[in-house]
Amino acid sequence: MEGIVLYLVIFFVKIFEVSLATLRIVLITKGEKVKGAVIGFFEVIIWVVLAATVLINISEDPIKVIVYAAGFAIGNYTGSSLESYLALGTTNIQAIVHKEHGKNLCIALRETGLALTSVDAFGMTDEKEILYIHVPRKKVTSTVKLIKEFQNDVVITINDIKPVYGGYNKLRK
């Protein structure tokens, strides 16, 4: 392989390899060590073959390095976009709402199949309720939208979490 075909292969294989690396890192940080290890195995095979291809006659064809670097950069973007689309994992949403909205909001959230815990709290001027909700990342946007339908000035924090064990709608045993 030579010329433009070689450059295209280097470019697209590097995008694929870096996208795999991004997914591997996300899976490992979310506690999916085995899946991350399997992806890592194939990622390294691809990397070694690709790096060897780029290094052959590098001084005579330095454009391969530029194509490789471009594939790396776009691979990072592609991998993070893919991860956002897949929305792997679970998120913890904490919503601090006025006490008067708490009960009806809990009912509405539970009707969507979400499990939550509510805790009485006190704000500066009135009673509050803190809702702790474990949500699949794919449902974060719709859950926040539902919460805001009940109260515009709600305080919401969102955190990615590792796997949750136990509770209603068990995510893990």
Protein backbone atom coordinates (compact mmCIF):
# COMPACT_ATOMS: atom_id res chain seq x y z
CA MET A 1 0.00 0.00 0.00
CA GLU A 2 1.26 3.41 -0.86
CA GLY A 3 0.23 6.98 -1.30
CA ILE A 4 -3.26 8.21 -0.55
CA VAL A 5 -4.63 4.74 0.22
CA LEU A 6 -2.01 4.22 2.92
CA TYR A 7 -2.75 7.65 4.39
CA LEU A 8 -6.47 6.92 4.48
CA VAL A 9 -5.92 3.54 6.14
CA ILE A 10 -3.64 5.11 8.78
CA PHE A 11 -6.12 7.92 9.37
CA PHE A 12 -9.26 5.79 9.76
CA VAL A 13 -7.62 2.96 11.70
CA LYS A 14 -6.18 5.51 14.14
CA ILE A 15 -9.63 7.07 14.59
CA PHE A 16 -11.04 3.62 15.33
CA GLU A 17 -8.20 2.72 17.73
CA VAL A 18 -8.47 5.96 19.73
CA SER A 19 -12.26 5.62 19.88
CA LEU A 20 -11.76 2.15 21.38
CA ALA A 21 -9.31 3.64 23.89
CA THR A 22 -11.88 6.22 24.95
CA LEU A 23 -14.54 3.56 25.47
CA ARG A 24 -12.06 1.37 27.36
CA ILE A 25 -11.21 4.17 29.77
CA VAL A 26 -14.88 4.96 30.38
CA LEU A 27 -15.73 1.32 31.01
CA ILE A 28 -12.87 0.87 33.45
CA THR A 29 -13.76 4.02 35.40
CA LYS A 30 -17.35 2.78 35.64
CA GLY A 31 -16.19 -0.51 37.15
CA GLU A 32 -16.44 -2.62 33.99
CA LYS A 33 -12.90 -3.99 34.24
CA VAL A 34 -13.39 -7.14 32.16
CA LYS A 35 -15.01 -5.31 29.25
CA GLY A 36 -12.28 -2.68 29.43
CA ALA A 37 -9.58 -5.35 29.40
CA VAL A 38 -11.07 -7.09 26.35
CA ILE A 39 -11.25 -3.80 24.44
CA GLY A 40 -7.69 -3.01 25.57
CA PHE A 41 -6.44 -6.29 24.12
CA PHE A 42 -7.72 -5.45 20.64
CA GLU A 43 -6.74 -1.80 20.98
CA VAL A 44 -3.09 -2.71 21.58
CA ILE A 45 -3.00 -5.12 18.64
CA ILE A 46 -4.31 -2.37 16.38
CA TRP A 47 -1.88 0.16 17.85
CA VAL A 48 1.20 -2.04 17.39
CA VAL A 49 0.38 -2.86 13.77
CA LEU A 50 -0.50 0.75 12.97
CA ALA A 51 2.55 2.22 14.72
CA ALA A 52 4.81 -0.23 12.87
CA THR A 53 3.20 0.82 9.58
CA VAL A 54 3.78 4.50 10.33
CA LEU A 55 7.39 3.97 11.43
CA ILE A 56 8.44 2.10 8.30
CA ASN A 57 10.43 4.57 6.17
CA ILE A 58 9.22 7.47 8.30
CA SER A 59 12.10 9.71 7.26
CA GLU A 60 11.18 9.24 3.59
CA ASP A 61 7.44 9.76 4.15
CA PRO A 62 6.87 12.10 7.15
CA ILE A 63 3.30 12.78 6.00
CA LYS A 64 2.35 9.48 7.69
CA VAL A 65 3.08 11.13 11.05
CA ILE A 66 0.79 14.05 10.27
CA VAL A 67 -1.97 11.70 9.12
CA TYR A 68 -1.46 9.58 12.26
CA ALA A 69 -1.68 12.68 14.48
CA ALA A 70 -4.82 13.87 12.68
CA GLY A 71 -6.39 10.44 13.18
CA PHE A 72 -5.49 10.63 16.86
CA ALA A 73 -7.09 14.06 17.28
CA ILE A 74 -10.27 13.14 15.42
CA GLY A 75 -10.33 9.78 17.22
CA ASN A 76 -10.50 11.59 20.56
CA TYR A 77 -13.42 13.66 19.34
CA THR A 78 -15.15 10.64 17.78
CA GLY A 79 -14.61 8.48 20.86
CA SER A 80 -15.99 11.08 23.25
CA SER A 81 -18.96 11.70 20.94
CA LEU A 82 -19.62 7.96 20.74
CA GLU A 83 -19.42 7.65 24.52
CA SER A 84 -21.91 10.51 24.93
CA TYR A 85 -24.25 8.83 22.45
CA LEU A 86 -24.00 5.44 24.19
CA ALA A 87 -24.38 7.15 27.60
CA LEU A 88 -22.90 4.23 29.48
CA GLY A 89 -23.40 3.98 33.20
CA THR A 90 -25.49 5.48 35.92
CA THR A 91 -25.87 9.02 37.17
CA ASN A 92 -26.92 10.32 40.55
CA ILE A 93 -29.21 13.32 40.40
CA GLN A 94 -29.79 15.32 43.56
CA ALA A 95 -32.64 17.79 43.38
CA ILE A 96 -33.45 20.25 46.16
CA VAL A 97 -37.08 21.25 45.78
CA HIS A 98 -39.62 23.15 47.84
CA LYS A 99 -41.41 20.84 50.23
CA GLU A 100 -44.74 21.62 48.55
CA HIS A 101 -43.51 20.10 45.25
CA GLY A 102 -41.70 17.12 46.73
CA LYS A 103 -44.46 14.53 47.07
CA ASN A 104 -46.01 15.04 43.63
CA LEU A 105 -42.60 15.13 42.00
CA CYS A 106 -41.65 11.85 43.70
CA ILE A 107 -44.83 10.25 42.37
CA ALA A 108 -44.17 11.54 38.84
CA LEU A 109 -40.56 10.32 38.88
CA ARG A 110 -41.56 6.90 40.18
CA GLU A 111 -44.20 6.63 37.46
CA THR A 112 -41.36 6.85 34.91
CA GLY A 113 -39.76 3.81 36.55
CA LEU A 114 -37.09 5.66 38.51
CA ALA A 115 -36.15 4.78 42.06
CA LEU A 116 -35.53 7.63 44.45
CA THR A 117 -35.16 8.55 48.07
CA SER A 118 -36.45 11.80 49.51
CA VAL A 119 -35.13 13.49 52.63
CA ASP A 120 -36.62 16.42 54.51
CA ALA A 121 -34.36 19.46 54.59
CA PHE A 122 -34.44 23.10 55.58
CA GLY A 123 -33.37 25.97 53.36
CA MET A 124 -32.75 29.56 54.32
CA THR A 125 -36.42 30.57 54.29
CA ASP A 126 -38.53 27.44 53.88
CA GLU A 127 -38.76 23.69 54.12
CA LYS A 128 -37.15 21.69 51.33
CA GLU A 129 -36.97 18.14 50.15
CA ILE A 130 -33.82 16.58 48.73
CA LEU A 131 -34.40 13.89 46.14
CA TYR A 132 -31.68 11.34 45.47
CA ILE A 133 -32.30 9.64 42.14
CA HIS A 134 -30.17 7.01 40.42
CA VAL A 135 -30.75 7.39 36.70
CA PRO A 136 -29.33 5.64 33.65
CA ARG A 137 -27.31 8.31 31.80
CA LYS A 138 -29.64 8.00 28.80
CA LYS A 139 -32.49 9.30 30.98
CA VAL A 140 -30.74 12.31 32.54
CA THR A 141 -32.11 14.94 30.15
CA SER A 142 -35.72 13.73 30.39
CA THR A 143 -35.45 13.44 34.18
CA VAL A 144 -34.13 16.99 34.58
CA LYS A 145 -36.87 18.25 32.28
CA LEU A 146 -39.53 16.53 34.39
CA ILE A 147 -38.09 17.97 37.62
CA LYS A 148 -38.08 21.49 36.14
CA GLU A 149 -41.74 21.11 35.14
CA PHE A 150 -42.56 21.00 38.83
CA GLN A 151 -40.26 23.81 39.94
CA ASN A 152 -38.24 26.31 37.90
CA ASP A 153 -35.84 27.38 40.65
CA VAL A 154 -34.84 23.85 41.63
CA VAL A 155 -31.22 23.16 42.58
CA ILE A 156 -29.92 20.13 40.69
CA THR A 157 -26.55 18.42 40.87
CA ILE A 158 -25.60 15.56 38.58
CA ASN A 159 -22.74 13.14 39.20
CA ASP A 160 -21.60 10.06 37.32
CA ILE A 161 -21.29 7.12 39.66
CA LYS A 162 -19.90 3.64 39.62
CA PRO A 163 -22.34 0.74 39.71
CA VAL A 164 -25.03 0.81 42.38
CA TYR A 165 -25.79 -2.31 44.37
CA GLY A 166 -29.16 -3.05 45.92
CA GLY A 167 -32.25 -0.93 46.32
CA TYR A 168 -35.40 -0.65 44.25
CA ASN A 169 -34.91 -1.45 40.54
CA LYS A 170 -31.56 -3.04 41.39
CA LEU A 171 -28.87 -2.14 38.91
CA ARG A 172 -26.53 -4.81 40.31
CA LYS A 173 -27.03 -7.67 42.73
